[in-house]
Amino acid sequence: MAEKNLKDVSPKEVENQVIDVLKTIYDPEIPVNIYELGLVYEVKVDENFDVKVDMTLTSPNCPVAESLPAEVESKVAGLWSVKSAKVEIVWDPPWDKDMMSEEAKFELGFL
Protein backbone atom coordinates (compact mmCIF):
# COMPACT_ATOMS: atom_id res chain seq x y z
CA MET A 1 0.00 0.00 0.00
CA ALA A 2 1.37 3.41 -0.93
CA GLU A 3 2.14 5.76 1.91
CA LYS A 4 -0.39 8.56 2.19
CA ASN A 5 0.92 12.04 1.66
CA LEU A 6 -0.44 15.18 3.30
CA LYS A 7 -0.06 16.93 -0.06
CA ASP A 8 -2.93 14.73 -1.23
CA VAL A 9 -5.46 16.22 1.21
CA SER A 10 -6.76 19.64 2.12
CA PRO A 11 -7.43 20.97 5.63
CA LYS A 12 -11.17 20.76 4.80
CA GLU A 13 -10.83 17.06 3.94
CA VAL A 14 -8.97 16.48 7.19
CA GLU A 15 -11.73 18.35 9.06
CA ASN A 16 -14.25 15.92 7.53
CA GLN A 17 -12.07 12.96 8.60
CA VAL A 18 -11.96 14.38 12.15
CA ILE A 19 -15.76 14.77 12.20
CA ASP A 20 -16.12 11.15 11.04
CA VAL A 21 -13.92 10.05 13.98
CA LEU A 22 -15.89 12.24 16.42
CA LYS A 23 -19.04 10.44 15.31
CA THR A 24 -17.55 7.19 16.67
CA ILE A 25 -17.13 8.55 20.21
CA TYR A 26 -20.01 8.24 22.65
CA ASP A 27 -20.82 9.66 26.04
CA PRO A 28 -21.23 6.37 27.96
CA GLU A 29 -24.46 7.57 29.58
CA ILE A 30 -26.14 8.63 26.32
CA PRO A 31 -26.53 6.35 23.25
CA VAL A 32 -25.68 9.15 20.79
CA ASN A 33 -22.24 10.21 19.55
CA ILE A 34 -20.68 13.42 20.86
CA TYR A 35 -20.91 15.18 17.48
CA GLU A 36 -24.66 14.61 17.07
CA LEU A 37 -25.14 15.50 20.76
CA GLY A 38 -23.78 18.96 19.96
CA LEU A 39 -20.85 18.65 22.34
CA VAL A 40 -18.37 19.61 19.60
CA TYR A 41 -18.46 23.36 19.03
CA GLU A 42 -15.65 23.71 16.51
CA VAL A 43 -13.04 21.71 14.62
CA LYS A 44 -10.11 23.77 13.32
CA VAL A 45 -7.45 22.36 11.01
CA ASP A 46 -4.56 24.67 10.13
CA GLU A 47 -2.29 24.49 7.09
CA ASN A 48 0.16 22.30 9.05
CA PHE A 49 -2.63 19.80 9.80
CA ASP A 50 -2.62 20.62 13.50
CA VAL A 51 -6.16 20.12 14.79
CA LYS A 52 -7.93 21.93 17.62
CA VAL A 53 -11.30 20.71 18.82
CA ASP A 54 -13.41 22.99 21.00
CA MET A 55 -15.97 20.92 22.85
CA THR A 56 -18.03 20.91 25.98
CA LEU A 57 -19.60 18.34 28.26
CA THR A 58 -23.24 17.93 29.21
CA SER A 59 -22.35 19.34 32.64
CA PRO A 60 -19.24 20.38 34.60
CA ASN A 61 -19.87 17.39 36.89
CA CYS A 62 -19.96 14.94 33.98
CA PRO A 63 -18.51 11.57 35.12
CA VAL A 64 -16.35 11.36 31.97
CA ALA A 65 -14.89 14.87 32.34
CA GLU A 66 -11.39 13.39 32.59
CA SER A 67 -11.61 10.51 30.12
CA LEU A 68 -13.77 11.84 27.27
CA PRO A 69 -11.52 14.76 26.20
CA ALA A 70 -8.49 12.45 26.35
CA GLU A 71 -10.30 9.88 24.18
CA VAL A 72 -11.21 12.58 21.64
CA GLU A 73 -7.64 13.88 21.53
CA SER A 74 -6.20 10.37 21.17
CA LYS A 75 -8.56 9.28 18.39
CA VAL A 76 -8.15 12.52 16.41
CA ALA A 77 -4.35 12.40 16.81
CA GLY A 78 -4.45 8.82 15.53
CA LEU A 79 -5.62 9.88 12.07
CA TRP A 80 -2.85 9.54 9.47
CA SER A 81 -3.61 13.04 8.19
CA VAL A 82 -3.36 14.81 11.57
CA LYS A 83 0.02 16.14 12.72
CA SER A 84 -1.17 17.00 16.24
CA ALA A 85 -4.47 17.25 18.11
CA LYS A 86 -5.55 19.39 21.03
CA VAL A 87 -8.92 19.36 22.77
CA GLU A 88 -10.11 22.40 24.64
CA ILE A 89 -13.10 22.13 26.96
CA VAL A 90 -15.24 25.25 26.83
CA TRP A 91 -18.28 26.11 28.92
CA ASP A 92 -19.57 29.10 26.98
CA PRO A 93 -22.14 28.71 25.65
CA PRO A 94 -23.37 26.09 28.09
CA TRP A 95 -24.64 22.93 26.42
CA ASP A 96 -28.36 22.25 26.30
CA LYS A 97 -30.52 19.76 24.41
CA ASP A 98 -31.32 22.29 21.68
CA MET A 99 -27.72 21.84 20.44
CA MET A 100 -28.42 18.23 19.46
CA SER A 101 -28.94 17.28 15.83
CA GLU A 102 -32.44 16.25 14.72
CA GLU A 103 -31.12 12.68 14.54
CA ALA A 104 -29.98 12.80 18.18
CA LYS A 105 -33.25 14.34 19.35
CA PHE A 106 -35.17 11.61 17.55
CA GLU A 107 -32.93 8.85 18.97
CA LEU A 108 -33.45 10.17 22.51
CA GLY A 109 -37.19 10.68 22.11
CA PHE A 110 -37.24 14.49 22.05
CA LEU A 111 -39.06 14.57 18.67
C-alpha atoms as a PDB file:
ATOM      1  CA  MET A   1       0.000   0.000   0.000  1.00  0.00           C
ATOM      2  CA  ALA A   2       1.365   3.408  -0.929  1.00  0.00           C
ATOM      3  CA  GLU A   3       2.136   5.762   1.911  1.00  0.00           C
ATOM      4  CA  LYS A   4      -0.395   8.558   2.186  1.00  0.00           C
ATOM      5  CA  ASN A   5       0.919  12.042   1.663  1.00  0.00           C
ATOM      6  CA  LEU A   6      -0.442  15.183   3.300  1.00  0.00           C
ATOM      7  CA  LYS A   7      -0.060  16.927  -0.061  1.00  0.00           C
ATOM      8  CA  ASP A   8      -2.931  14.732  -1.226  1.00  0.00           C
ATOM      9  CA  VAL A   9      -5.462  16.220   1.213  1.00  0.00           C
ATOM     10  CA  SER A  10      -6.758  19.645   2.120  1.00  0.00           C
ATOM     11  CA  PRO A  11      -7.431  20.968   5.633  1.00  0.00           C
ATOM     12  CA  LYS A  12     -11.174  20.762   4.800  1.00  0.00           C
ATOM     13  CA  GLU A  13     -10.830  17.058   3.936  1.00  0.00           C
ATOM     14  CA  VAL A  14      -8.973  16.479   7.193  1.00  0.00           C
ATOM     15  CA  GLU A  15     -11.728  18.347   9.058  1.00  0.00           C
ATOM     16  CA  ASN A  16     -14.246  15.919   7.526  1.00  0.00           C
ATOM     17  CA  GLN A  17     -12.071  12.961   8.600  1.00  0.00           C
ATOM     18  CA  VAL A  18     -11.963  14.384  12.150  1.00  0.00           C
ATOM     19  CA  ILE A  19     -15.756  14.767  12.198  1.00  0.00           C
ATOM     20  CA  ASP A  20     -16.115  11.148  11.045  1.00  0.00           C
ATOM     21  CA  VAL A  21     -13.922  10.051  13.980  1.00  0.00           C
ATOM     22  CA  LEU A  22     -15.890  12.242  16.416  1.00  0.00           C
ATOM     23  CA  LYS A  23     -19.044  10.443  15.313  1.00  0.00           C
ATOM     24  CA  THR A  24     -17.551   7.187  16.672  1.00  0.00           C
ATOM     25  CA  ILE A  25     -17.129   8.554  20.213  1.00  0.00           C
ATOM     26  CA  TYR A  26     -20.015   8.236  22.649  1.00  0.00           C
ATOM     27  CA  ASP A  27     -20.821   9.659  26.044  1.00  0.00           C
ATOM     28  CA  PRO A  28     -21.229   6.368  27.956  1.00  0.00           C
ATOM     29  CA  GLU A  29     -24.457   7.570  29.578  1.00  0.00           C
ATOM     30  CA  ILE A  30     -26.145   8.633  26.315  1.00  0.00           C
ATOM     31  CA  PRO A  31     -26.529   6.354  23.252  1.00  0.00           C
ATOM     32  CA  VAL A  32     -25.677   9.152  20.793  1.00  0.00           C
ATOM     33  CA  ASN A  33     -22.235  10.207  19.546  1.00  0.00           C
ATOM     34  CA  ILE A  34     -20.681  13.421  20.858  1.00  0.00           C
ATOM     35  CA  TYR A  35     -20.911  15.181  17.482  1.00  0.00           C
ATOM     36  CA  GLU A  36     -24.662  14.610  17.072  1.00  0.00           C
ATOM     37  CA  LEU A  37     -25.142  15.502  20.756  1.00  0.00           C
ATOM     38  CA  GLY A  38     -23.785  18.956  19.959  1.00  0.00           C
ATOM     39  CA  LEU A  39     -20.852  18.648  22.342  1.00  0.00           C
ATOM     40  CA  VAL A  40     -18.372  19.611  19.598  1.00  0.00           C
ATOM     41  CA  TYR A  41     -18.458  23.359  19.032  1.00  0.00           C
ATOM     42  CA  GLU A  42     -15.650  23.708  16.512  1.00  0.00           C
ATOM     43  CA  VAL A  43     -13.036  21.706  14.620  1.00  0.00           C
ATOM     44  CA  LYS A  44     -10.109  23.768  13.324  1.00  0.00           C
ATOM     45  CA  VAL A  45      -7.447  22.358  11.013  1.00  0.00           C
ATOM     46  CA  ASP A  46      -4.564  24.670  10.129  1.00  0.00           C
ATOM     47  CA  GLU A  47      -2.294  24.493   7.087  1.00  0.00           C
ATOM     48  CA  ASN A  48       0.161  22.296   9.045  1.00  0.00           C
ATOM     49  CA  PHE A  49      -2.631  19.798   9.801  1.00  0.00           C
ATOM     50  CA  ASP A  50      -2.616  20.616  13.499  1.00  0.00           C
ATOM     51  CA  VAL A  51      -6.158  20.118  14.794  1.00  0.00           C
ATOM     52  CA  LYS A  52      -7.927  21.935  17.615  1.00  0.00           C
ATOM     53  CA  VAL A  53     -11.300  20.712  18.819  1.00  0.00           C
ATOM     54  CA  ASP A  54     -13.414  22.991  20.996  1.00  0.00           C
ATOM     55  CA  MET A  55     -15.966  20.921  22.847  1.00  0.00           C
ATOM     56  CA  THR A  56     -18.035  20.912  25.978  1.00  0.00           C
ATOM     57  CA  LEU A  57     -19.597  18.342  28.257  1.00  0.00           C
ATOM     58  CA  THR A  58     -23.235  17.934  29.215  1.00  0.00           C
ATOM     59  CA  SER A  59     -22.352  19.342  32.643  1.00  0.00           C
ATOM     60  CA  PRO A  60     -19.242  20.378  34.596  1.00  0.00           C
ATOM     61  CA  ASN A  61     -19.869  17.391  36.894  1.00  0.00           C
ATOM     62  CA  CYS A  62     -19.955  14.936  33.985  1.00  0.00           C
ATOM     63  CA  PRO A  63     -18.508  11.572  35.122  1.00  0.00           C
ATOM     64  CA  VAL A  64     -16.350  11.359  31.969  1.00  0.00           C
ATOM     65  CA  ALA A  65     -14.892  14.870  32.338  1.00  0.00           C
ATOM     66  CA  GLU A  66     -11.392  13.387  32.587  1.00  0.00           C
ATOM     67  CA  SER A  67     -11.606  10.514  30.121  1.00  0.00           C
ATOM     68  CA  LEU A  68     -13.773  11.836  27.273  1.00  0.00           C
ATOM     69  CA  PRO A  69     -11.523  14.765  26.200  1.00  0.00           C
ATOM     70  CA  ALA A  70      -8.491  12.447  26.352  1.00  0.00           C
ATOM     71  CA  GLU A  71     -10.304   9.879  24.184  1.00  0.00           C
ATOM     72  CA  VAL A  72     -11.208  12.581  21.641  1.00  0.00           C
ATOM     73  CA  GLU A  73      -7.636  13.879  21.532  1.00  0.00           C
ATOM     74  CA  SER A  74      -6.196  10.368  21.166  1.00  0.00           C
ATOM     75  CA  LYS A  75      -8.556   9.278  18.386  1.00  0.00           C
ATOM     76  CA  VAL A  76      -8.151  12.521  16.415  1.00  0.00           C
ATOM     77  CA  ALA A  77      -4.355  12.403  16.806  1.00  0.00           C
ATOM     78  CA  GLY A  78      -4.449   8.818  15.528  1.00  0.00           C
ATOM     79  CA  LEU A  79      -5.618   9.879  12.073  1.00  0.00           C
ATOM     80  CA  TRP A  80      -2.852   9.538   9.472  1.00  0.00           C
ATOM     81  CA  SER A  81      -3.607  13.042   8.193  1.00  0.00           C
ATOM     82  CA  VAL A  82      -3.356  14.808  11.574  1.00  0.00           C
ATOM     83  CA  LYS A  83       0.022  16.142  12.722  1.00  0.00           C
ATOM     84  CA  SER A  84      -1.170  17.003  16.242  1.00  0.00           C
ATOM     85  CA  ALA A  85      -4.467  17.254  18.109  1.00  0.00           C
ATOM     86  CA  LYS A  86      -5.550  19.390  21.029  1.00  0.00           C
ATOM     87  CA  VAL A  87      -8.924  19.364  22.770  1.00  0.00           C
ATOM     88  CA  GLU A  88     -10.110  22.396  24.639  1.00  0.00           C
ATOM     89  CA  ILE A  89     -13.102  22.131  26.960  1.00  0.00           C
ATOM     90  CA  VAL A  90     -15.242  25.253  26.834  1.00  0.00           C
ATOM     91  CA  TRP A  91     -18.277  26.108  28.924  1.00  0.00           C
ATOM     92  CA  ASP A  92     -19.569  29.102  26.982  1.00  0.00           C
ATOM     93  CA  PRO A  93     -22.136  28.707  25.647  1.00  0.00           C
ATOM     94  CA  PRO A  94     -23.368  26.090  28.092  1.00  0.00           C
ATOM     95  CA  TRP A  95     -24.640  22.926  26.419  1.00  0.00           C
ATOM     96  CA  ASP A  96     -28.363  22.254  26.297  1.00  0.00           C
ATOM     97  CA  LYS A  97     -30.520  19.761  24.410  1.00  0.00           C
ATOM     98  CA  ASP A  98     -31.324  22.289  21.676  1.00  0.00           C
ATOM     99  CA  MET A  99     -27.718  21.844  20.435  1.00  0.00           C
ATOM    100  CA  MET A 100     -28.416  18.231  19.462  1.00  0.00           C
ATOM    101  CA  SER A 101     -28.944  17.277  15.834  1.00  0.00           C
ATOM    102  CA  GLU A 102     -32.436  16.254  14.716  1.00  0.00           C
ATOM    103  CA  GLU A 103     -31.122  12.676  14.541  1.00  0.00           C
ATOM    104  CA  ALA A 104     -29.983  12.795  18.184  1.00  0.00           C
ATOM    105  CA  LYS A 105     -33.254  14.342  19.352  1.00  0.00           C
ATOM    106  CA  PHE A 106     -35.170  11.605  17.549  1.00  0.00           C
ATOM    107  CA  GLU A 107     -32.928   8.854  18.975  1.00  0.00           C
ATOM    108  CA  LEU A 108     -33.452  10.174  22.514  1.00  0.00           C
ATOM    109  CA  GLY A 109     -37.192  10.679  22.111  1.00  0.00           C
ATOM    110  CA  PHE A 110     -37.242  14.492  22.047  1.00  0.00           C
ATOM    111  CA  LEU A 111     -39.064  14.567  18.670  1.00  0.00           C
END
